[in-house]
């Protein structure tokens, strides 16, 4: 059993190194692309006076900072547990998503407060300076193209790395959202002069703050959802029902035919890694080599089914600490 496990584990280690290299290069590419888009957004704001384009640039600037942190984290999450981090480095990925979500919410809050202030001034009769729309078309085309390229690159590399990198998936979704926002903002600004010939002509001076409000509301969903998920992971929440059911099926298959009872199991998702704890009651003596082999086989099977790295602990017990009073033991003999 030990020799078989070694044959199974070694190619996985080679894949980890290759996946890490792909992920790192993709994140570096994203950092450069977002830096260019942030500079373009600030320049467009100066040339046009549009707060909506400034918000777009600030969003890209946040992604530059998050990419810098993500490149560091991508080096750490693949490391095995050590004395300094006895449970591994996987929690850093969840903390990255948490931090990034909070920063994005701060940027969105800034946009909302700025837009509301402008609308209040307009309502009180203040004159809103007109926008200079000539640079908007070029900005919209260039930045939307960069966002589309970035989203394609991250999604491609996410698939190449086995669809396990939460970092790449998060950045890919961000780039796709950024492309949609930039395109719709640019088109709305360019079309705003046409409102002069409609009953909405009175709204032309406040097109820009209204766009900022719309962009902020669209952007709110992603960081709030990411914040909830990362908070749950960091706090130790159990994995969702799909992961639990898939893990239960794998465990029942792996433990069938063995002289033991599976008393309970738990699964926690932390970043890209799932932590599985299996509580078993042996019906006959087990040596340590058998327990190690069982743990390695569960790791391999769950990794294949869940499509993510898995770390398993097998605990021998008669009374597991969770739910054992309420659930009947599941026999695997």
Protein backbone atom coordinates (compact mmCIF):
# COMPACT_ATOMS: atom_id res chain seq x y z
CA UNK A 1 0.00 0.00 0.00
CA UNK A 2 2.83 2.40 0.82
CA UNK A 3 4.48 1.88 -2.57
CA UNK A 4 1.18 2.41 -4.38
CA UNK A 5 0.59 5.64 -2.50
CA UNK A 6 4.03 6.89 -3.47
CA UNK A 7 3.28 6.27 -7.13
CA UNK A 8 0.04 8.20 -6.82
CA UNK A 9 1.43 11.17 -4.91
CA UNK A 10 4.60 11.98 -6.91
CA UNK A 11 2.87 13.06 -10.19
CA UNK A 12 0.53 15.21 -8.11
CA UNK A 13 3.53 17.05 -6.65
CA UNK A 14 4.84 17.67 -10.18
CA UNK A 15 1.45 19.07 -11.18
CA UNK A 16 1.42 21.34 -8.13
CA UNK A 17 4.70 22.95 -9.22
CA UNK A 18 3.48 23.41 -12.80
CA UNK A 19 0.11 24.79 -11.67
CA UNK A 20 1.83 27.18 -9.30
CA UNK A 21 3.99 28.54 -12.12
CA UNK A 22 0.94 29.06 -14.38
CA UNK A 23 -0.98 30.77 -11.59
CA UNK A 24 1.92 33.07 -10.72
CA UNK A 25 2.43 34.18 -14.34
CA UNK A 26 -1.29 34.80 -14.78
CA UNK A 27 -1.44 36.95 -11.66
CA UNK A 28 1.60 38.94 -12.75
CA UNK A 29 -0.03 39.56 -16.13
CA UNK A 30 -3.18 40.72 -14.33
CA UNK A 31 -1.20 43.09 -12.15
CA UNK A 32 0.35 44.81 -15.19
CA UNK A 33 -2.97 44.97 -17.05
CA UNK A 34 -4.82 46.43 -14.07
CA UNK A 35 -2.07 49.01 -13.53
CA UNK A 36 -2.49 50.18 -17.13
CA UNK A 37 -6.26 50.37 -16.69
CA UNK A 38 -5.93 52.30 -13.43
CA UNK A 39 -3.67 54.89 -15.07
CA UNK A 40 -6.07 55.11 -18.03
CA UNK A 41 -9.01 55.65 -15.67
CA UNK A 42 -7.30 58.48 -13.80
CA UNK A 43 -6.22 60.15 -17.05
CA UNK A 44 -9.74 59.83 -18.47
CA UNK A 45 -11.14 61.45 -15.33
CA UNK A 46 -8.75 64.39 -15.66
CA UNK A 47 -9.55 64.85 -19.37
CA UNK A 48 -13.33 64.39 -19.13
CA UNK A 49 -14.24 65.32 -15.55
CA UNK A 50 -16.25 62.10 -15.23
CA UNK A 51 -16.52 60.59 -11.74
CA UNK A 52 -17.78 57.35 -13.28
CA UNK A 53 -14.46 56.90 -15.10
CA UNK A 54 -12.62 57.76 -11.87
CA UNK A 55 -14.53 55.00 -10.07
CA UNK A 56 -13.58 52.63 -12.89
CA UNK A 57 -9.93 53.59 -12.44
CA UNK A 58 -10.13 53.17 -8.66
CA UNK A 59 -11.60 49.69 -9.14
CA UNK A 60 -8.62 48.76 -11.33
CA UNK A 61 -6.22 50.28 -8.78
CA UNK A 62 -7.69 48.05 -6.07
CA UNK A 63 -7.17 45.05 -8.34
CA UNK A 64 -3.50 46.03 -8.75
CA UNK A 65 -3.03 45.94 -4.99
CA UNK A 66 -4.95 42.69 -4.64
CA UNK A 67 -2.87 41.12 -7.43
CA UNK A 68 0.32 42.03 -5.57
CA UNK A 69 -0.99 40.28 -2.47
CA UNK A 70 -2.32 37.36 -4.53
CA UNK A 71 1.08 36.66 -6.10
CA UNK A 72 2.57 36.35 -2.63
CA UNK A 73 -0.24 34.15 -1.39
CA UNK A 74 -0.01 31.87 -4.44
CA UNK A 75 3.54 31.02 -3.37
CA UNK A 76 2.42 30.13 0.14
CA UNK A 77 -0.79 28.13 -0.28
CA UNK A 78 1.01 25.24 -1.99
CA UNK A 79 3.45 24.82 0.90
CA UNK A 80 2.90 21.87 3.25
CA UNK A 81 2.22 22.49 6.93
CA UNK A 82 5.26 23.37 9.02
CA UNK A 83 6.08 24.39 12.57
CA UNK A 84 5.16 28.02 11.96
CA UNK A 85 1.87 27.16 10.22
CA UNK A 86 0.87 23.72 11.57
CA UNK A 87 -2.45 23.68 9.67
CA UNK A 88 -0.96 24.90 6.38
CA UNK A 89 -1.13 28.21 4.56
CA UNK A 90 -4.54 27.73 2.94
CA UNK A 91 -6.24 30.23 5.23
CA UNK A 92 -4.24 33.04 3.62
CA UNK A 93 -6.29 32.63 0.45
CA UNK A 94 -9.56 33.12 2.32
CA UNK A 95 -8.10 36.12 4.17
CA UNK A 96 -7.01 37.63 0.84
CA UNK A 97 -10.57 37.44 -0.49
CA UNK A 98 -11.84 38.94 2.78
CA UNK A 99 -9.38 41.85 2.66
CA UNK A 100 -10.02 42.54 -1.01
CA UNK A 101 -13.78 42.55 -0.49
CA UNK A 102 -13.50 45.10 2.31
CA UNK A 103 -11.31 47.40 0.19
CA UNK A 104 -13.75 47.17 -2.74
CA UNK A 105 -16.64 48.00 -0.45
CA UNK A 106 -14.71 51.07 0.68
CA UNK A 107 -14.17 52.20 -2.93
CA UNK A 108 -17.84 51.61 -3.73
CA UNK A 109 -18.84 53.56 -0.63
CA UNK A 110 -16.67 56.46 -1.80
CA UNK A 111 -18.38 56.41 -5.21
CA UNK A 112 -21.84 56.32 -3.66
CA UNK A 113 -21.17 59.22 -1.31
CA UNK A 114 -19.62 61.32 -4.09
CA UNK A 115 -22.53 60.70 -6.46
CA UNK A 116 -25.15 61.40 -3.80
CA UNK A 117 -23.39 64.65 -2.92
CA UNK A 118 -23.42 65.77 -6.55
CA UNK A 119 -27.10 64.90 -6.92
CA UNK A 120 -27.98 66.84 -3.76
CA UNK A 121 -26.08 69.89 -5.08
CA UNK A 122 -27.92 69.65 -8.41
CA UNK A 123 -31.26 69.36 -6.61
CA UNK A 124 -30.46 72.56 -4.71
CA UNK A 125 -29.81 74.40 -7.96
CA UNK A 126 -26.02 74.19 -8.28
CA UNK A 127 -24.62 74.23 -11.81
CA UNK A 128 -22.98 70.93 -12.76
CA UNK A 129 -20.00 71.42 -15.13
CA UNK A 130 -20.45 69.66 -18.49
CA UNK A 131 -18.26 66.70 -19.38
CA UNK A 132 -15.69 66.56 -22.18
CA UNK A 133 -16.72 63.42 -24.05
CA UNK A 134 -14.11 63.26 -26.82
CA UNK A 135 -11.67 60.89 -24.96
CA UNK A 136 -14.44 58.57 -23.76
CA UNK A 137 -14.66 56.43 -26.92
CA UNK A 138 -10.93 55.66 -26.95
CA UNK A 139 -10.87 54.92 -23.23
CA UNK A 140 -13.90 52.63 -23.48
CA UNK A 141 -12.48 50.64 -26.39
CA UNK A 142 -9.00 50.20 -24.90
CA UNK A 143 -10.03 49.35 -21.34
CA UNK A 144 -12.86 47.03 -22.37
CA UNK A 145 -10.43 45.18 -24.64
CA UNK A 146 -7.87 44.85 -21.84
CA UNK A 147 -10.54 43.59 -19.43
CA UNK A 148 -11.72 41.01 -21.94
CA UNK A 149 -8.15 39.83 -22.54
CA UNK A 150 -7.50 39.62 -18.81
CA UNK A 151 -10.69 37.68 -18.13
CA UNK A 152 -9.89 35.22 -20.92
CA UNK A 153 -6.34 34.73 -19.64
CA UNK A 154 -7.38 34.10 -16.04
CA UNK A 155 -10.22 31.72 -16.99
CA UNK A 156 -7.90 29.81 -19.33
CA UNK A 157 -5.21 29.47 -16.66
CA UNK A 158 -7.82 28.55 -14.05
CA UNK A 159 -8.86 25.62 -16.26
CA UNK A 160 -5.22 24.70 -16.95
CA UNK A 161 -4.53 24.51 -13.21
CA UNK A 162 -7.36 22.04 -12.61
CA UNK A 163 -10.04 24.61 -11.69
CA UNK A 164 -8.80 24.81 -8.09
CA UNK A 165 -7.33 28.33 -7.81
CA UNK A 166 -9.71 30.63 -5.97
CA UNK A 167 -7.32 33.48 -6.76
CA UNK A 168 -7.55 33.05 -10.53
CA UNK A 169 -11.30 32.47 -10.49
CA UNK A 170 -11.86 35.62 -8.41
CA UNK A 171 -9.63 37.75 -10.66
CA UNK A 172 -11.26 36.36 -13.83
CA UNK A 173 -14.74 37.24 -12.59
CA UNK A 174 -13.56 40.70 -11.57
CA UNK A 175 -12.12 41.35 -15.03
CA UNK A 176 -15.35 40.24 -16.70
CA UNK A 177 -17.43 42.51 -14.46
CA UNK A 178 -15.00 45.37 -15.09
CA UNK A 179 -15.36 44.91 -18.86
CA UNK A 180 -19.15 45.08 -18.68
CA UNK A 181 -19.08 48.13 -16.44
CA UNK A 182 -16.54 50.00 -18.57
CA UNK A 183 -18.41 49.27 -21.79
CA UNK A 184 -21.81 50.26 -20.42
CA UNK A 185 -20.42 53.39 -18.75
CA UNK A 186 -18.67 54.56 -21.91
CA UNK A 187 -21.69 53.94 -24.10
CA UNK A 188 -23.98 55.72 -21.64
CA UNK A 189 -21.71 58.76 -21.50
CA UNK A 190 -21.42 58.91 -25.29
CA UNK A 191 -25.19 58.59 -25.67
CA UNK A 192 -26.00 61.21 -23.02
CA UNK A 193 -26.11 64.17 -25.51
CA UNK A 194 -28.94 62.39 -27.34
CA UNK A 195 -31.08 62.83 -24.22
CA UNK A 196 -31.32 66.55 -25.08
CA UNK A 197 -34.03 65.65 -27.61
CA UNK A 198 -36.07 63.56 -25.18
CA UNK A 199 -38.23 64.24 -22.11
CA UNK A 200 -35.15 63.27 -20.05
CA UNK A 201 -33.21 66.36 -21.16
CA UNK A 202 -33.32 67.75 -17.63
CA UNK A 203 -31.23 64.75 -16.46
CA UNK A 204 -28.32 65.35 -18.84
CA UNK A 205 -26.23 67.37 -16.31
CA UNK A 206 -26.41 64.52 -13.77
CA UNK A 207 -25.80 61.61 -16.14
CA UNK A 208 -22.35 61.07 -14.62
CA UNK A 209 -23.40 60.78 -10.93
CA UNK A 210 -26.35 58.60 -11.95
CA UNK A 211 -23.91 56.30 -13.73
CA UNK A 212 -21.73 56.21 -10.60
CA UNK A 213 -24.77 55.12 -8.59
CA UNK A 214 -25.61 52.42 -11.12
CA UNK A 215 -22.02 51.15 -11.24
CA UNK A 216 -21.78 51.08 -7.45
CA UNK A 217 -24.98 49.06 -7.13
CA UNK A 218 -23.78 46.58 -9.75
CA UNK A 219 -20.39 46.23 -8.06
CA UNK A 220 -21.87 45.71 -4.59
CA UNK A 221 -23.06 42.14 -5.17
CA UNK A 222 -19.67 40.52 -5.80
CA UNK A 223 -17.72 41.84 -2.78
CA UNK A 224 -20.65 41.23 -0.44
CA UNK A 225 -20.98 37.62 -1.61
CA UNK A 226 -17.21 37.09 -1.43
CA UNK A 227 -17.15 38.68 2.03
CA UNK A 228 -19.82 36.31 3.33
CA UNK A 229 -18.04 33.25 1.94
CA UNK A 230 -14.60 34.25 3.20
CA UNK A 231 -15.95 35.16 6.63
CA UNK A 232 -17.62 31.76 6.87
CA UNK A 233 -14.41 29.98 5.86
CA UNK A 234 -12.23 32.01 8.22
CA UNK A 235 -14.68 31.40 11.09
CA UNK A 236 -14.64 27.63 10.53
CA UNK A 237 -18.02 27.11 8.85
CA UNK A 238 -18.74 23.70 7.34
CA UNK A 239 -18.60 23.27 3.57
CA UNK A 240 -21.80 23.54 1.55
CA UNK A 241 -24.23 20.65 1.10
CA UNK A 242 -22.92 19.66 -2.34
CA UNK A 243 -19.38 19.18 -1.02
CA UNK A 244 -20.65 17.32 2.06
CA UNK A 245 -22.77 14.91 -0.01
CA UNK A 246 -19.97 14.25 -2.48
CA UNK A 247 -17.54 13.59 0.35
CA UNK A 248 -20.00 11.24 2.07
CA UNK A 249 -20.30 9.15 -1.11
CA UNK A 250 -16.52 8.90 -1.46
CA UNK A 251 -16.09 7.90 2.18
CA UNK A 252 -18.75 5.22 2.02
CA UNK A 253 -17.05 3.76 -1.08
CA UNK A 254 -13.57 3.91 0.43
CA UNK A 255 -14.60 2.41 3.76
CA UNK A 256 -16.88 -0.30 2.39
CA UNK A 257 -15.53 -3.79 3.00
CA UNK A 258 -13.38 -2.69 5.94
CA UNK A 259 -13.98 -3.85 9.48
CA UNK A 260 -14.89 -0.48 10.91
CA UNK A 261 -17.75 1.95 11.46
CA UNK A 262 -17.73 5.52 10.18
CA UNK A 263 -19.08 7.39 13.17
CA UNK A 264 -19.07 10.86 11.59
CA UNK A 265 -17.14 13.17 9.29
CA UNK A 266 -16.67 16.91 8.78
CA UNK A 267 -15.58 19.01 5.80
CA UNK A 268 -14.33 22.58 5.90
CA UNK A 269 -13.44 24.63 2.83
CA UNK A 270 -10.53 27.03 3.32
CA UNK A 271 -9.53 28.81 0.14
CA UNK A 272 -8.92 26.16 -2.49
CA UNK A 273 -8.41 23.33 0.02
CA UNK A 274 -10.98 21.07 1.65
CA UNK A 275 -10.19 19.68 5.10
CA UNK A 276 -11.84 16.31 5.75
CA UNK A 277 -11.93 14.72 9.20
CA UNK A 278 -13.24 11.16 9.41
CA UNK A 279 -14.16 9.61 12.75
CA UNK A 280 -14.03 5.81 12.64
CA UNK A 281 -14.55 3.02 15.15
CA UNK A 282 -12.39 -0.02 14.23
CA UNK A 283 -14.02 -3.39 14.79
CA UNK A 284 -10.58 -5.06 14.83
CA UNK A 285 -7.05 -3.79 15.54
CA UNK A 286 -5.53 -1.39 12.97
CA UNK A 287 -1.84 -0.62 12.61
CA UNK A 288 -0.55 2.89 11.81
CA UNK A 289 0.46 1.97 8.24
CA UNK A 290 -3.13 0.97 7.46
CA UNK A 291 -4.46 4.26 8.85
CA UNK A 292 -1.89 6.24 6.82
CA UNK A 293 -2.81 4.36 3.65
CA UNK A 294 -6.51 4.96 4.28
CA UNK A 295 -5.86 8.68 4.72
CA UNK A 296 -3.85 8.90 1.48
CA UNK A 297 -6.53 7.06 -0.49
CA UNK A 298 -9.26 9.34 0.86
CA UNK A 299 -7.12 12.37 -0.10
CA UNK A 300 -6.72 11.12 -3.66
CA UNK A 301 -10.36 10.13 -4.18
CA UNK A 302 -11.81 13.30 -2.65
CA UNK A 303 -9.40 15.47 -4.64
CA UNK A 304 -10.63 13.86 -7.86
CA UNK A 305 -14.32 14.16 -6.99
CA UNK A 306 -14.24 17.64 -5.43
CA UNK A 307 -11.75 19.03 -7.98
CA UNK A 308 -9.65 20.69 -5.27
CA UNK A 309 -6.75 19.83 -2.94
CA UNK A 310 -7.86 17.79 0.07
CA UNK A 311 -6.22 17.18 3.43
CA UNK A 312 -7.64 14.32 5.48
CA UNK A 313 -7.34 13.29 9.08
CA UNK A 314 -8.57 9.90 10.28
CA UNK A 315 -9.46 9.82 13.98
CA UNK A 316 -10.17 6.58 15.81
CA UNK A 317 -12.94 7.03 18.34
CA UNK A 318 -16.05 5.48 19.83
CA UNK A 319 -17.73 8.83 20.53
CA UNK A 320 -17.00 11.52 17.93
CA UNK A 321 -17.24 15.08 19.26
CA UNK A 322 -19.90 16.26 16.77
CA UNK A 323 -23.49 15.03 16.44
CA UNK A 324 -22.75 11.55 17.70
CA UNK A 325 -25.71 11.63 20.09
CA UNK A 326 -28.15 12.45 17.27
CA UNK A 327 -26.93 10.25 14.44
CA UNK A 328 -26.68 6.50 14.25
CA UNK A 329 -23.26 5.07 13.37
CA UNK A 330 -22.85 4.20 9.69
CA UNK A 331 -21.39 0.75 9.25
CA UNK A 332 -18.79 0.27 6.54
CA UNK A 333 -18.13 -3.37 7.27
